[in-house]
């Protein structure tokens, strides 16, 4: 999987509605938006959440005005073919609203063969004394997945986790790309919280600077 641990859009002049964790708190746009970062950052991926558009063109103000084009197929992370450095980002799209935009280094974490996708709900039905089932009202359904990363978290990735923990620690969901796992999963994009991200515990390797962790993701909206 590839996951954006440190979202540099949080350090930009992007409108607040594009930076809040709730995708339902969306912003109306008209064709394009320019986002200025507080300094130059390396970027190899873009996160998009709650878009009603399909086509995206991202233009970076690096030395070559690099562009990255993709089609929106779901809330999650979209990985670029190469890493660039930029001070600002121009987003051109046919969408009329977007819930959140993310950018930064999408960290590649190979996962073990075992995958554990799940369907969950917050709705709670109730059984009466007469044996009748009363529907749970006000709940929502969501996807979840458990992925095991064995000794693949190196020093650079751990630093990305540390750098982004200011926001992850207060509950900001992650942008995730599961294209590498798609052969065993019914979806390849995900916007999700890690169930234990307020207590990120890692298991160290013996001889090298490598850590393991089991990630339990739950979809957010």
N, C-alpha and C. Protein backbone atom coordinates (compact mmCIF):
# COMPACT_ATOMS: atom_id res chain seq x y z
N UNK A 1 0.85 -1.19 0.00
CA UNK A 1 0.00 0.00 0.00
C UNK A 1 0.88 1.24 0.00
N UNK A 2 0.29 2.34 -0.40
CA UNK A 2 0.94 3.63 -0.30
C UNK A 2 0.03 4.53 0.53
N UNK A 3 0.63 5.25 1.46
CA UNK A 3 -0.16 6.04 2.41
C UNK A 3 0.49 7.40 2.66
N UNK A 4 -0.34 8.42 2.73
CA UNK A 4 0.14 9.78 2.97
C UNK A 4 0.08 10.05 4.47
N UNK A 5 1.23 9.99 5.12
CA UNK A 5 1.29 10.23 6.56
C UNK A 5 1.37 11.72 6.90
N UNK A 6 2.06 12.48 6.05
CA UNK A 6 2.29 13.90 6.33
C UNK A 6 1.69 14.74 5.20
N UNK A 7 0.52 15.29 5.43
CA UNK A 7 -0.20 16.08 4.41
C UNK A 7 0.28 17.52 4.45
N UNK A 8 1.06 17.92 3.45
CA UNK A 8 1.64 19.26 3.44
C UNK A 8 0.62 20.34 3.10
N UNK A 9 -0.56 19.98 2.63
CA UNK A 9 -1.61 20.98 2.38
C UNK A 9 -2.00 21.64 3.70
N UNK A 10 -1.79 20.95 4.80
CA UNK A 10 -2.09 21.55 6.11
C UNK A 10 -1.19 22.74 6.40
N UNK A 11 -0.07 22.85 5.69
CA UNK A 11 0.86 23.96 5.89
C UNK A 11 0.78 24.96 4.73
N UNK A 12 -0.39 25.10 4.16
CA UNK A 12 -0.56 25.96 2.99
C UNK A 12 -1.65 26.99 3.25
N UNK A 13 -1.91 27.80 2.23
CA UNK A 13 -2.99 28.80 2.33
C UNK A 13 -4.30 28.27 1.76
N UNK A 14 -4.41 26.95 1.61
CA UNK A 14 -5.65 26.36 1.09
C UNK A 14 -6.83 26.74 1.97
N UNK A 15 -8.01 26.95 1.40
CA UNK A 15 -9.19 27.26 2.20
C UNK A 15 -9.42 26.19 3.27
N UNK A 16 -9.93 26.59 4.41
CA UNK A 16 -10.10 25.70 5.55
C UNK A 16 -10.93 24.47 5.19
N UNK A 17 -11.95 24.62 4.34
CA UNK A 17 -12.81 23.49 4.00
C UNK A 17 -12.08 22.41 3.21
N UNK A 18 -10.95 22.75 2.61
CA UNK A 18 -10.15 21.75 1.91
C UNK A 18 -9.16 21.06 2.84
N UNK A 19 -9.06 21.55 4.08
CA UNK A 19 -8.09 21.01 5.02
C UNK A 19 -8.73 20.29 6.21
N UNK A 20 -10.03 20.48 6.41
CA UNK A 20 -10.68 19.83 7.55
C UNK A 20 -10.81 18.33 7.29
N UNK A 21 -10.83 17.50 8.34
CA UNK A 21 -10.85 16.05 8.15
C UNK A 21 -12.17 15.50 7.60
N UNK A 22 -13.29 16.19 7.85
CA UNK A 22 -14.59 15.69 7.40
C UNK A 22 -14.80 15.99 5.92
N UNK A 23 -14.99 14.95 5.11
CA UNK A 23 -15.19 15.16 3.68
C UNK A 23 -16.52 15.83 3.38
N UNK A 24 -17.48 15.70 4.28
CA UNK A 24 -18.78 16.33 4.08
C UNK A 24 -18.70 17.85 4.19
N UNK A 25 -17.62 18.35 4.76
CA UNK A 25 -17.39 19.80 4.87
C UNK A 25 -16.67 20.25 3.59
N UNK A 26 -17.41 20.24 2.47
CA UNK A 26 -16.76 20.48 1.18
C UNK A 26 -16.83 21.93 0.74
N UNK A 27 -16.01 22.24 -0.28
CA UNK A 27 -15.91 23.60 -0.82
C UNK A 27 -16.32 23.59 -2.28
N UNK A 28 -17.13 24.56 -2.67
CA UNK A 28 -17.48 24.73 -4.08
C UNK A 28 -16.32 25.41 -4.81
N UNK A 29 -16.00 24.90 -6.00
CA UNK A 29 -14.93 25.48 -6.79
C UNK A 29 -15.42 25.70 -8.21
N UNK A 30 -14.66 26.49 -8.95
CA UNK A 30 -14.99 26.77 -10.35
C UNK A 30 -13.76 26.55 -11.20
N UNK A 31 -13.65 25.37 -11.75
CA UNK A 31 -12.59 24.98 -12.68
C UNK A 31 -11.22 24.76 -12.05
N UNK A 32 -10.74 25.69 -11.24
CA UNK A 32 -9.39 25.53 -10.72
C UNK A 32 -9.20 26.26 -9.39
N UNK A 33 -8.14 25.88 -8.70
CA UNK A 33 -7.77 26.54 -7.45
C UNK A 33 -6.25 26.48 -7.32
N UNK A 34 -5.64 27.56 -6.82
CA UNK A 34 -4.19 27.63 -6.61
C UNK A 34 -3.92 27.57 -5.12
N UNK A 35 -3.01 26.67 -4.73
CA UNK A 35 -2.65 26.49 -3.33
C UNK A 35 -1.16 26.81 -3.16
N UNK A 36 -0.84 27.76 -2.30
CA UNK A 36 0.55 28.13 -2.03
C UNK A 36 1.01 27.48 -0.73
N UNK A 37 2.15 26.79 -0.81
CA UNK A 37 2.72 26.13 0.36
C UNK A 37 3.60 27.11 1.13
N UNK A 38 3.87 26.80 2.40
CA UNK A 38 4.69 27.71 3.20
C UNK A 38 6.17 27.62 2.87
N UNK A 39 6.58 26.54 2.17
CA UNK A 39 7.96 26.38 1.70
C UNK A 39 7.95 25.30 0.62
N UNK A 40 9.09 25.06 0.03
CA UNK A 40 9.18 24.02 -1.00
C UNK A 40 9.17 22.63 -0.35
N UNK A 41 8.34 21.73 -0.91
CA UNK A 41 8.21 20.37 -0.38
C UNK A 41 8.39 19.35 -1.49
N UNK A 42 8.88 18.15 -1.14
CA UNK A 42 8.85 17.03 -2.09
C UNK A 42 7.42 16.47 -2.14
N UNK A 43 6.97 16.12 -3.34
CA UNK A 43 5.61 15.61 -3.53
C UNK A 43 5.66 14.46 -4.53
N UNK A 44 5.01 13.35 -4.19
CA UNK A 44 4.89 12.26 -5.16
C UNK A 44 3.47 11.70 -5.22
N UNK A 45 2.53 12.39 -4.55
CA UNK A 45 1.15 11.89 -4.57
C UNK A 45 0.18 12.99 -4.16
N UNK A 46 -1.06 12.82 -4.59
CA UNK A 46 -2.14 13.76 -4.30
C UNK A 46 -3.31 12.99 -3.70
N UNK A 47 -3.89 13.53 -2.65
CA UNK A 47 -5.08 12.94 -2.05
C UNK A 47 -6.32 13.75 -2.39
N UNK A 48 -7.39 13.09 -2.76
CA UNK A 48 -8.65 13.76 -3.08
C UNK A 48 -9.79 13.05 -2.34
N UNK A 49 -10.68 13.84 -1.73
CA UNK A 49 -11.83 13.28 -1.05
C UNK A 49 -13.10 14.03 -1.37
N UNK A 50 -14.17 13.31 -1.59
CA UNK A 50 -15.51 13.84 -1.85
C UNK A 50 -15.52 14.82 -3.03
N UNK A 51 -15.22 14.29 -4.18
CA UNK A 51 -15.26 15.09 -5.42
C UNK A 51 -16.40 14.58 -6.30
N UNK A 52 -17.12 15.51 -6.91
CA UNK A 52 -18.16 15.11 -7.85
C UNK A 52 -17.67 15.20 -9.29
N UNK A 53 -16.37 15.39 -9.45
CA UNK A 53 -15.78 15.43 -10.78
C UNK A 53 -15.05 14.14 -11.10
N UNK A 54 -14.53 14.07 -12.32
CA UNK A 54 -13.81 12.88 -12.76
C UNK A 54 -12.38 13.19 -13.16
N UNK A 55 -12.16 14.31 -13.82
CA UNK A 55 -10.85 14.62 -14.39
C UNK A 55 -10.09 15.63 -13.55
N UNK A 56 -8.84 15.31 -13.28
CA UNK A 56 -7.98 16.20 -12.51
C UNK A 56 -6.65 16.43 -13.23
N UNK A 57 -6.22 17.67 -13.25
CA UNK A 57 -4.89 18.03 -13.71
C UNK A 57 -4.24 18.84 -12.59
N UNK A 58 -3.12 18.34 -12.09
CA UNK A 58 -2.39 19.03 -11.03
C UNK A 58 -1.11 19.59 -11.65
N UNK A 59 -0.91 20.88 -11.52
CA UNK A 59 0.28 21.53 -12.07
C UNK A 59 1.12 22.07 -10.92
N UNK A 60 2.40 21.71 -10.90
CA UNK A 60 3.31 22.13 -9.85
C UNK A 60 4.26 23.20 -10.38
N UNK A 61 4.56 24.18 -9.55
CA UNK A 61 5.44 25.25 -10.00
C UNK A 61 6.91 24.92 -9.74
N UNK A 62 7.30 23.70 -10.11
CA UNK A 62 8.72 23.36 -10.03
C UNK A 62 9.43 23.94 -11.25
N UNK A 63 10.66 23.54 -11.51
CA UNK A 63 11.42 24.12 -12.62
C UNK A 63 10.80 23.85 -13.98
N UNK A 64 10.01 22.79 -14.09
CA UNK A 64 9.45 22.39 -15.39
C UNK A 64 7.94 22.55 -15.50
N UNK A 65 7.30 23.12 -14.48
CA UNK A 65 5.84 23.17 -14.44
C UNK A 65 5.25 21.78 -14.71
N UNK A 66 5.68 20.83 -13.94
CA UNK A 66 5.24 19.45 -14.09
C UNK A 66 3.74 19.33 -13.88
N UNK A 67 3.08 18.50 -14.69
CA UNK A 67 1.66 18.26 -14.53
C UNK A 67 1.41 16.78 -14.27
N UNK A 68 0.35 16.52 -13.54
CA UNK A 68 -0.05 15.16 -13.19
C UNK A 68 -1.55 15.04 -13.44
N UNK A 69 -1.94 14.15 -14.36
CA UNK A 69 -3.34 13.98 -14.73
C UNK A 69 -3.86 12.62 -14.27
N UNK A 70 -5.06 12.60 -13.72
CA UNK A 70 -5.66 11.34 -13.30
C UNK A 70 -7.17 11.47 -13.27
N UNK A 71 -7.84 10.33 -13.24
CA UNK A 71 -9.29 10.28 -13.11
C UNK A 71 -9.66 9.90 -11.69
N UNK A 72 -10.58 10.62 -11.10
CA UNK A 72 -11.02 10.36 -9.74
C UNK A 72 -11.93 9.12 -9.74
N UNK A 73 -11.52 8.10 -8.99
CA UNK A 73 -12.31 6.86 -8.91
C UNK A 73 -12.73 6.55 -7.48
N UNK A 74 -12.44 7.45 -6.56
CA UNK A 74 -12.83 7.23 -5.18
C UNK A 74 -11.94 8.00 -4.22
N UNK A 75 -12.41 8.20 -3.00
CA UNK A 75 -11.64 8.93 -2.00
C UNK A 75 -10.36 8.16 -1.68
N UNK A 76 -9.22 8.83 -1.82
CA UNK A 76 -7.97 8.14 -1.54
C UNK A 76 -6.78 8.85 -2.14
N UNK A 77 -5.68 8.11 -2.27
CA UNK A 77 -4.41 8.65 -2.71
C UNK A 77 -4.14 8.31 -4.17
N UNK A 78 -3.64 9.29 -4.92
CA UNK A 78 -3.30 9.13 -6.33
C UNK A 78 -1.80 9.38 -6.48
N UNK A 79 -1.07 8.34 -6.90
CA UNK A 79 0.39 8.35 -6.88
C UNK A 79 0.94 8.80 -8.23
N UNK A 80 1.88 9.72 -8.18
CA UNK A 80 2.51 10.26 -9.37
C UNK A 80 3.62 9.34 -9.87
N UNK A 81 4.01 9.46 -11.14
CA UNK A 81 5.09 8.61 -11.67
C UNK A 81 6.47 8.98 -11.13
N UNK A 82 6.64 10.19 -10.59
CA UNK A 82 7.93 10.58 -10.04
C UNK A 82 7.74 11.65 -8.96
N UNK A 83 8.76 11.85 -8.18
CA UNK A 83 8.74 12.86 -7.12
C UNK A 83 9.21 14.20 -7.68
N UNK A 84 8.51 15.27 -7.28
CA UNK A 84 8.93 16.62 -7.68
C UNK A 84 9.01 17.50 -6.42
N UNK A 85 9.51 18.71 -6.59
CA UNK A 85 9.57 19.69 -5.50
C UNK A 85 8.80 20.93 -5.94
N UNK A 86 7.95 21.44 -5.09
CA UNK A 86 7.10 22.57 -5.50
C UNK A 86 6.81 23.50 -4.34
N UNK A 87 6.53 24.76 -4.72
CA UNK A 87 6.12 25.80 -3.77
C UNK A 87 4.64 26.07 -3.84
N UNK A 88 4.02 25.69 -4.94
CA UNK A 88 2.58 25.88 -5.07
C UNK A 88 2.00 24.81 -6.00
N UNK A 89 0.69 24.64 -5.89
CA UNK A 89 -0.02 23.61 -6.65
C UNK A 89 -1.26 24.25 -7.27
N UNK A 90 -1.46 24.02 -8.56
CA UNK A 90 -2.69 24.44 -9.23
C UNK A 90 -3.52 23.20 -9.54
N UNK A 91 -4.76 23.21 -9.09
CA UNK A 91 -5.66 22.08 -9.30
C UNK A 91 -6.71 22.48 -10.33
N UNK A 92 -6.69 21.84 -11.49
CA UNK A 92 -7.70 22.03 -12.52
C UNK A 92 -8.60 20.80 -12.57
N UNK A 93 -9.90 21.00 -12.56
CA UNK A 93 -10.81 19.86 -12.51
C UNK A 93 -12.19 20.23 -13.04
N UNK A 94 -12.95 19.19 -13.43
CA UNK A 94 -14.33 19.42 -13.84
C UNK A 94 -15.28 19.29 -12.66
N UNK A 95 -14.75 19.09 -11.47
CA UNK A 95 -15.58 19.01 -10.26
C UNK A 95 -16.11 20.39 -9.89
N UNK A 96 -17.26 20.41 -9.25
CA UNK A 96 -17.80 21.67 -8.73
C UNK A 96 -17.65 21.77 -7.21
N UNK A 97 -17.28 20.64 -6.58
CA UNK A 97 -16.97 20.70 -5.15
C UNK A 97 -15.95 19.63 -4.78
N UNK A 98 -15.18 19.90 -3.73
CA UNK A 98 -14.17 18.98 -3.20
C UNK A 98 -14.23 19.05 -1.67
N UNK A 99 -14.11 17.89 -1.04
CA UNK A 99 -14.14 17.84 0.42
C UNK A 99 -12.79 18.04 1.07
N UNK A 100 -11.75 17.47 0.46
CA UNK A 100 -10.41 17.64 1.02
C UNK A 100 -9.37 17.36 -0.05
N UNK A 101 -8.28 18.11 -0.01
CA UNK A 101 -7.12 17.87 -0.87
C UNK A 101 -5.92 17.63 0.02
N UNK A 102 -5.12 16.61 -0.33
CA UNK A 102 -3.89 16.32 0.38
C UNK A 102 -2.74 16.22 -0.61
N UNK A 103 -1.53 16.35 -0.13
CA UNK A 103 -0.34 16.21 -0.98
C UNK A 103 0.86 15.91 -0.11
N UNK A 104 1.88 15.32 -0.73
CA UNK A 104 3.11 15.01 0.00
C UNK A 104 3.73 13.73 -0.50
N UNK A 105 4.44 13.06 0.40
CA UNK A 105 5.11 11.81 0.06
C UNK A 105 4.23 10.63 0.43
N UNK A 106 3.77 9.92 -0.58
CA UNK A 106 3.04 8.69 -0.35
C UNK A 106 4.04 7.58 -0.06
N UNK A 107 4.07 7.09 1.17
CA UNK A 107 5.06 6.09 1.59
C UNK A 107 4.64 4.70 1.14
N UNK A 108 5.58 3.98 0.54
CA UNK A 108 5.30 2.63 0.06
C UNK A 108 5.59 1.63 1.17
N UNK A 109 4.55 0.90 1.58
CA UNK A 109 4.67 -0.11 2.62
C UNK A 109 4.18 -1.45 2.09
N UNK A 110 5.07 -2.35 1.70
CA UNK A 110 4.63 -3.68 1.28
C UNK A 110 3.91 -4.38 2.42
N UNK A 111 2.81 -5.04 2.12
CA UNK A 111 2.02 -5.72 3.14
C UNK A 111 2.13 -7.23 2.98
N UNK A 112 1.88 -7.94 4.07
CA UNK A 112 1.96 -9.39 4.03
C UNK A 112 0.85 -9.97 3.16
N UNK A 113 0.97 -11.24 2.81
CA UNK A 113 0.02 -11.88 1.90
C UNK A 113 -1.39 -11.83 2.46
N UNK A 114 -1.54 -11.97 3.75
CA UNK A 114 -2.88 -12.00 4.36
C UNK A 114 -3.51 -10.62 4.35
N UNK A 115 -4.72 -10.51 3.80
CA UNK A 115 -5.50 -9.27 3.81
C UNK A 115 -6.82 -9.54 4.53
N UNK A 116 -7.30 -8.54 5.27
CA UNK A 116 -8.53 -8.73 6.03
C UNK A 116 -9.51 -7.59 5.77
N UNK A 117 -10.19 -7.60 4.60
CA UNK A 117 -11.22 -6.58 4.35
C UNK A 117 -12.47 -6.89 5.14
N UNK A 118 -13.24 -5.85 5.45
CA UNK A 118 -14.46 -6.04 6.25
C UNK A 118 -15.49 -5.00 5.88
N UNK A 119 -16.74 -5.33 6.10
CA UNK A 119 -17.85 -4.39 6.00
C UNK A 119 -18.43 -4.21 7.39
N UNK A 120 -18.59 -2.95 7.81
CA UNK A 120 -19.08 -2.68 9.16
C UNK A 120 -20.19 -1.64 9.11
N UNK A 121 -20.90 -1.51 10.21
CA UNK A 121 -21.97 -0.52 10.31
C UNK A 121 -22.03 0.01 11.74
N UNK A 122 -22.51 1.24 11.87
CA UNK A 122 -22.73 1.81 13.20
C UNK A 122 -24.18 1.63 13.64
N UNK A 123 -25.01 1.12 12.75
CA UNK A 123 -26.42 0.89 13.10
C UNK A 123 -26.53 -0.26 14.09
N UNK A 124 -27.40 -0.11 15.07
CA UNK A 124 -27.59 -1.16 16.07
C UNK A 124 -29.08 -1.51 16.16
N UNK A 125 -29.41 -2.69 15.70
CA UNK A 125 -30.80 -3.14 15.78
C UNK A 125 -31.10 -3.58 17.22
N UNK A 126 -32.38 -3.67 17.53
CA UNK A 126 -32.80 -4.03 18.88
C UNK A 126 -33.87 -5.11 18.80
N UNK A 127 -33.78 -6.09 19.67
CA UNK A 127 -34.77 -7.16 19.71
C UNK A 127 -35.69 -6.95 20.91
N UNK A 128 -37.01 -6.92 20.65
CA UNK A 128 -37.97 -6.70 21.72
C UNK A 128 -38.19 -7.99 22.51
N UNK A 129 -38.92 -7.87 23.61
CA UNK A 129 -39.23 -9.05 24.42
C UNK A 129 -40.07 -10.05 23.66
N UNK A 130 -40.79 -9.57 22.63
CA UNK A 130 -41.63 -10.45 21.81
C UNK A 130 -40.84 -11.07 20.66
N UNK A 131 -39.55 -10.76 20.58
CA UNK A 131 -38.72 -11.35 19.54
C UNK A 131 -38.70 -10.58 18.24
N UNK A 132 -39.27 -9.37 18.23
CA UNK A 132 -39.28 -8.55 17.02
C UNK A 132 -37.95 -7.79 16.90
N UNK A 133 -37.50 -7.63 15.66
CA UNK A 133 -36.28 -6.88 15.41
C UNK A 133 -36.64 -5.44 15.03
N UNK A 134 -36.14 -4.50 15.80
CA UNK A 134 -36.34 -3.08 15.51
C UNK A 134 -35.11 -2.57 14.80
N UNK A 135 -35.31 -1.99 13.62
CA UNK A 135 -34.19 -1.51 12.82
C UNK A 135 -33.37 -0.46 13.56
N UNK A 136 -32.05 -0.55 13.38
CA UNK A 136 -31.17 0.50 13.89
C UNK A 136 -31.25 1.71 12.99
N UNK A 137 -31.56 2.86 13.52
CA UNK A 137 -31.71 4.07 12.73
C UNK A 137 -30.54 5.02 12.96
N UNK A 138 -30.21 5.78 11.94
CA UNK A 138 -29.18 6.80 12.08
C UNK A 138 -27.76 6.30 11.91
N UNK A 139 -27.58 5.02 11.60
CA UNK A 139 -26.24 4.49 11.41
C UNK A 139 -25.76 4.62 9.98
N UNK A 140 -24.52 4.26 9.74
CA UNK A 140 -23.98 4.28 8.38
C UNK A 140 -23.09 3.05 8.20
N UNK A 141 -22.94 2.64 6.95
CA UNK A 141 -22.09 1.50 6.61
C UNK A 141 -20.73 2.00 6.13
N UNK A 142 -19.70 1.23 6.40
CA UNK A 142 -18.36 1.64 5.97
C UNK A 142 -17.47 0.42 5.77
N UNK A 143 -16.38 0.63 5.03
CA UNK A 143 -15.42 -0.42 4.78
C UNK A 143 -14.29 -0.35 5.80
N UNK A 144 -13.67 -1.49 6.02
CA UNK A 144 -12.52 -1.55 6.92
C UNK A 144 -11.55 -2.59 6.38
N UNK A 145 -10.29 -2.46 6.78
CA UNK A 145 -9.29 -3.44 6.33
C UNK A 145 -8.13 -3.48 7.31
N UNK A 146 -7.60 -4.67 7.53
CA UNK A 146 -6.41 -4.86 8.35
C UNK A 146 -5.28 -5.33 7.44
N UNK A 147 -4.13 -4.66 7.56
CA UNK A 147 -2.97 -4.99 6.73
C UNK A 147 -1.74 -5.06 7.63
N UNK A 148 -0.95 -6.09 7.43
CA UNK A 148 0.23 -6.31 8.27
C UNK A 148 1.48 -5.90 7.50
N UNK A 149 2.26 -5.01 8.10
CA UNK A 149 3.53 -4.56 7.51
C UNK A 149 4.66 -5.14 8.34
N UNK A 150 5.46 -6.02 7.75
CA UNK A 150 6.51 -6.70 8.48
C UNK A 150 7.89 -6.14 8.14
N UNK A 151 8.48 -5.41 9.07
CA UNK A 151 9.86 -4.91 8.96
C UNK A 151 10.11 -4.14 7.67
N UNK A 152 9.16 -3.25 7.34
CA UNK A 152 9.29 -2.42 6.14
C UNK A 152 9.28 -0.92 6.46
N UNK A 153 9.06 -0.57 7.72
CA UNK A 153 9.01 0.84 8.10
C UNK A 153 10.43 1.27 8.45
N UNK A 154 11.06 1.98 7.52
CA UNK A 154 12.44 2.40 7.73
C UNK A 154 12.52 3.79 8.35
N UNK A 155 13.70 4.33 8.45
CA UNK A 155 13.90 5.61 9.12
C UNK A 155 13.17 6.74 8.42
N UNK A 156 13.20 6.75 7.08
CA UNK A 156 12.55 7.82 6.32
C UNK A 156 11.02 7.77 6.48
N UNK A 157 10.46 6.58 6.43
CA UNK A 157 9.00 6.46 6.59
C UNK A 157 8.58 6.82 8.01
N UNK A 158 9.36 6.37 9.00
CA UNK A 158 9.03 6.71 10.38
C UNK A 158 9.08 8.22 10.59
N UNK A 159 10.00 8.91 9.91
CA UNK A 159 10.07 10.36 10.03
C UNK A 159 8.84 11.02 9.41
N UNK A 160 8.33 10.46 8.30
CA UNK A 160 7.10 10.97 7.71
C UNK A 160 5.93 10.82 8.69
N UNK A 161 5.88 9.69 9.38
CA UNK A 161 4.83 9.46 10.37
C UNK A 161 4.94 10.48 11.49
N UNK A 162 6.15 10.72 11.96
CA UNK A 162 6.38 11.69 13.04
C UNK A 162 6.00 13.10 12.59
N UNK A 163 6.42 13.47 11.37
CA UNK A 163 6.14 14.82 10.87
C UNK A 163 4.65 15.08 10.71
N UNK A 164 3.89 14.04 10.37
CA UNK A 164 2.45 14.22 10.16
C UNK A 164 1.61 13.96 11.39
N UNK A 165 2.25 13.61 12.51
CA UNK A 165 1.48 13.19 13.68
C UNK A 165 0.75 14.34 14.37
N UNK A 166 1.15 15.57 14.10
CA UNK A 166 0.43 16.72 14.66
C UNK A 166 -1.04 16.65 14.32
N UNK A 167 -1.35 16.20 13.11
CA UNK A 167 -2.74 16.12 12.65
C UNK A 167 -3.31 14.71 12.81
N UNK A 168 -2.51 13.68 12.53
CA UNK A 168 -3.00 12.31 12.70
C UNK A 168 -3.34 12.05 14.16
N UNK A 169 -2.57 12.64 15.07
CA UNK A 169 -2.80 12.42 16.49
C UNK A 169 -4.10 12.99 17.01
N UNK A 170 -4.68 13.93 16.27
CA UNK A 170 -5.98 14.49 16.67
C UNK A 170 -7.11 13.96 15.79
N UNK A 171 -6.81 12.91 15.02
CA UNK A 171 -7.88 12.20 14.34
C UNK A 171 -8.04 12.43 12.86
N UNK A 172 -7.10 13.11 12.21
CA UNK A 172 -7.22 13.30 10.77
C UNK A 172 -7.05 11.96 10.05
N UNK A 173 -7.96 11.61 9.14
CA UNK A 173 -7.82 10.37 8.38
C UNK A 173 -6.67 10.44 7.38
N UNK A 174 -6.26 9.26 6.93
CA UNK A 174 -5.18 9.14 5.96
C UNK A 174 -5.75 8.91 4.55
N UNK A 175 -5.02 9.41 3.54
CA UNK A 175 -5.28 9.06 2.15
C UNK A 175 -4.45 7.82 1.83
N UNK A 176 -5.11 6.79 1.24
CA UNK A 176 -4.45 5.51 1.02
C UNK A 176 -4.69 5.02 -0.41
N UNK A 177 -3.66 4.41 -0.99
CA UNK A 177 -3.77 3.76 -2.30
C UNK A 177 -3.47 2.28 -2.11
N UNK A 178 -4.38 1.42 -2.54
CA UNK A 178 -4.24 -0.03 -2.38
C UNK A 178 -4.13 -0.73 -3.72
N UNK A 179 -3.58 -0.06 -4.71
CA UNK A 179 -3.47 -0.65 -6.04
C UNK A 179 -2.64 -1.93 -6.01
N UNK A 180 -1.58 -1.95 -5.22
CA UNK A 180 -0.72 -3.14 -5.15
C UNK A 180 -1.44 -4.32 -4.51
N UNK A 181 -2.45 -4.04 -3.71
CA UNK A 181 -3.22 -5.10 -3.07
C UNK A 181 -4.52 -5.43 -3.80
N UNK A 182 -4.77 -4.76 -4.91
CA UNK A 182 -6.05 -4.85 -5.60
C UNK A 182 -6.37 -6.27 -6.05
N UNK A 183 -5.35 -7.08 -6.29
CA UNK A 183 -5.60 -8.45 -6.76
C UNK A 183 -6.34 -9.29 -5.72
N UNK A 184 -6.37 -8.81 -4.46
CA UNK A 184 -7.08 -9.56 -3.41
C UNK A 184 -8.14 -8.73 -2.71
N UNK A 185 -8.39 -7.52 -3.21
CA UNK A 185 -9.32 -6.62 -2.53
C UNK A 185 -10.39 -6.11 -3.49
N UNK A 186 -11.58 -5.76 -2.98
CA UNK A 186 -12.65 -5.24 -3.84
C UNK A 186 -12.57 -3.73 -4.04
N UNK A 187 -11.54 -3.06 -3.55
CA UNK A 187 -11.39 -1.62 -3.74
C UNK A 187 -9.90 -1.26 -3.70
N UNK A 188 -9.55 -0.10 -4.29
CA UNK A 188 -8.12 0.27 -4.34
C UNK A 188 -7.86 1.67 -3.79
N UNK A 189 -8.88 2.41 -3.42
CA UNK A 189 -8.71 3.73 -2.81
C UNK A 189 -9.43 3.75 -1.48
N UNK A 190 -8.85 4.48 -0.51
CA UNK A 190 -9.47 4.53 0.80
C UNK A 190 -9.08 5.81 1.52
N UNK A 191 -10.06 6.40 2.20
CA UNK A 191 -9.84 7.54 3.10
C UNK A 191 -10.25 7.05 4.46
N UNK A 192 -9.29 6.89 5.38
CA UNK A 192 -9.60 6.13 6.59
C UNK A 192 -8.75 6.56 7.77
N UNK A 193 -9.31 6.33 8.94
CA UNK A 193 -8.56 6.42 10.19
C UNK A 193 -7.94 5.07 10.50
N UNK A 194 -6.80 5.08 11.18
CA UNK A 194 -6.23 3.89 11.75
C UNK A 194 -6.76 3.79 13.17
N UNK A 195 -7.33 2.66 13.53
CA UNK A 195 -8.07 2.56 14.79
C UNK A 195 -7.24 2.94 16.00
N UNK A 196 -5.92 2.76 15.93
CA UNK A 196 -5.06 3.05 17.07
C UNK A 196 -4.07 4.17 16.78
N UNK A 197 -4.45 5.12 15.92
CA UNK A 197 -3.47 6.13 15.53
C UNK A 197 -3.17 7.14 16.64
N UNK A 198 -3.96 7.14 17.70
CA UNK A 198 -3.62 7.97 18.85
C UNK A 198 -2.63 7.28 19.77
N UNK A 199 -2.28 6.05 19.44
CA UNK A 199 -1.29 5.30 20.20
C UNK A 199 -0.51 4.42 19.22
N UNK A 200 0.37 5.06 18.45
CA UNK A 200 1.07 4.37 17.38
C UNK A 200 2.25 3.59 17.95
N UNK A 201 2.09 2.27 18.05
CA UNK A 201 3.13 1.39 18.58
C UNK A 201 3.75 0.61 17.43
N UNK A 202 5.09 0.52 17.42
CA UNK A 202 5.80 -0.20 16.36
C UNK A 202 6.67 -1.28 16.99
N UNK A 203 6.84 -2.38 16.24
CA UNK A 203 7.70 -3.46 16.69
C UNK A 203 9.01 -3.40 15.92
N UNK A 204 10.13 -3.33 16.62
CA UNK A 204 11.41 -3.12 15.96
C UNK A 204 12.01 -4.42 15.45
N UNK A 205 12.87 -4.26 14.43
CA UNK A 205 13.67 -5.37 13.97
C UNK A 205 14.84 -5.61 14.91
N UNK A 206 15.63 -6.64 14.62
CA UNK A 206 16.73 -6.99 15.52
C UNK A 206 18.03 -6.33 15.10
N UNK A 207 18.37 -6.44 13.84
CA UNK A 207 19.69 -5.98 13.39
C UNK A 207 19.67 -4.69 12.59
N UNK A 208 18.50 -4.27 12.12
CA UNK A 208 18.43 -3.10 11.26
C UNK A 208 17.37 -2.13 11.76
N UNK A 209 17.44 -0.90 11.25
CA UNK A 209 16.44 0.13 11.57
C UNK A 209 15.19 -0.14 10.75
N UNK A 210 14.43 -1.15 11.16
CA UNK A 210 13.20 -1.53 10.48
C UNK A 210 12.14 -1.86 11.52
N UNK A 211 10.91 -1.40 11.25
CA UNK A 211 9.82 -1.63 12.19
C UNK A 211 8.65 -2.32 11.50
N UNK A 212 7.83 -2.98 12.30
CA UNK A 212 6.61 -3.63 11.83
C UNK A 212 5.41 -3.02 12.54
N UNK A 213 4.25 -3.16 11.89
CA UNK A 213 3.01 -2.72 12.53
C UNK A 213 1.82 -3.31 11.77
N UNK A 214 0.79 -3.68 12.51
CA UNK A 214 -0.47 -4.07 11.88
C UNK A 214 -1.38 -2.85 11.86
N UNK A 215 -1.82 -2.47 10.67
CA UNK A 215 -2.68 -1.31 10.49
C UNK A 215 -4.14 -1.77 10.37
N UNK A 216 -4.99 -1.18 11.18
CA UNK A 216 -6.44 -1.45 11.13
C UNK A 216 -7.16 -0.17 10.71
N UNK A 217 -7.56 -0.11 9.44
CA UNK A 217 -8.16 1.09 8.88
C UNK A 217 -9.68 0.99 8.87
N UNK A 218 -10.34 2.11 9.19
CA UNK A 218 -11.79 2.23 9.10
C UNK A 218 -12.14 3.45 8.27
N UNK A 219 -12.97 3.27 7.26
CA UNK A 219 -13.31 4.32 6.31
C UNK A 219 -13.98 5.50 7.01
N UNK A 220 -13.66 6.72 6.52
CA UNK A 220 -14.26 7.95 7.03
C UNK A 220 -14.82 8.76 5.88
N UNK A 221 -15.74 9.67 6.22
CA UNK A 221 -16.45 10.45 5.19
C UNK A 221 -16.42 11.94 5.53
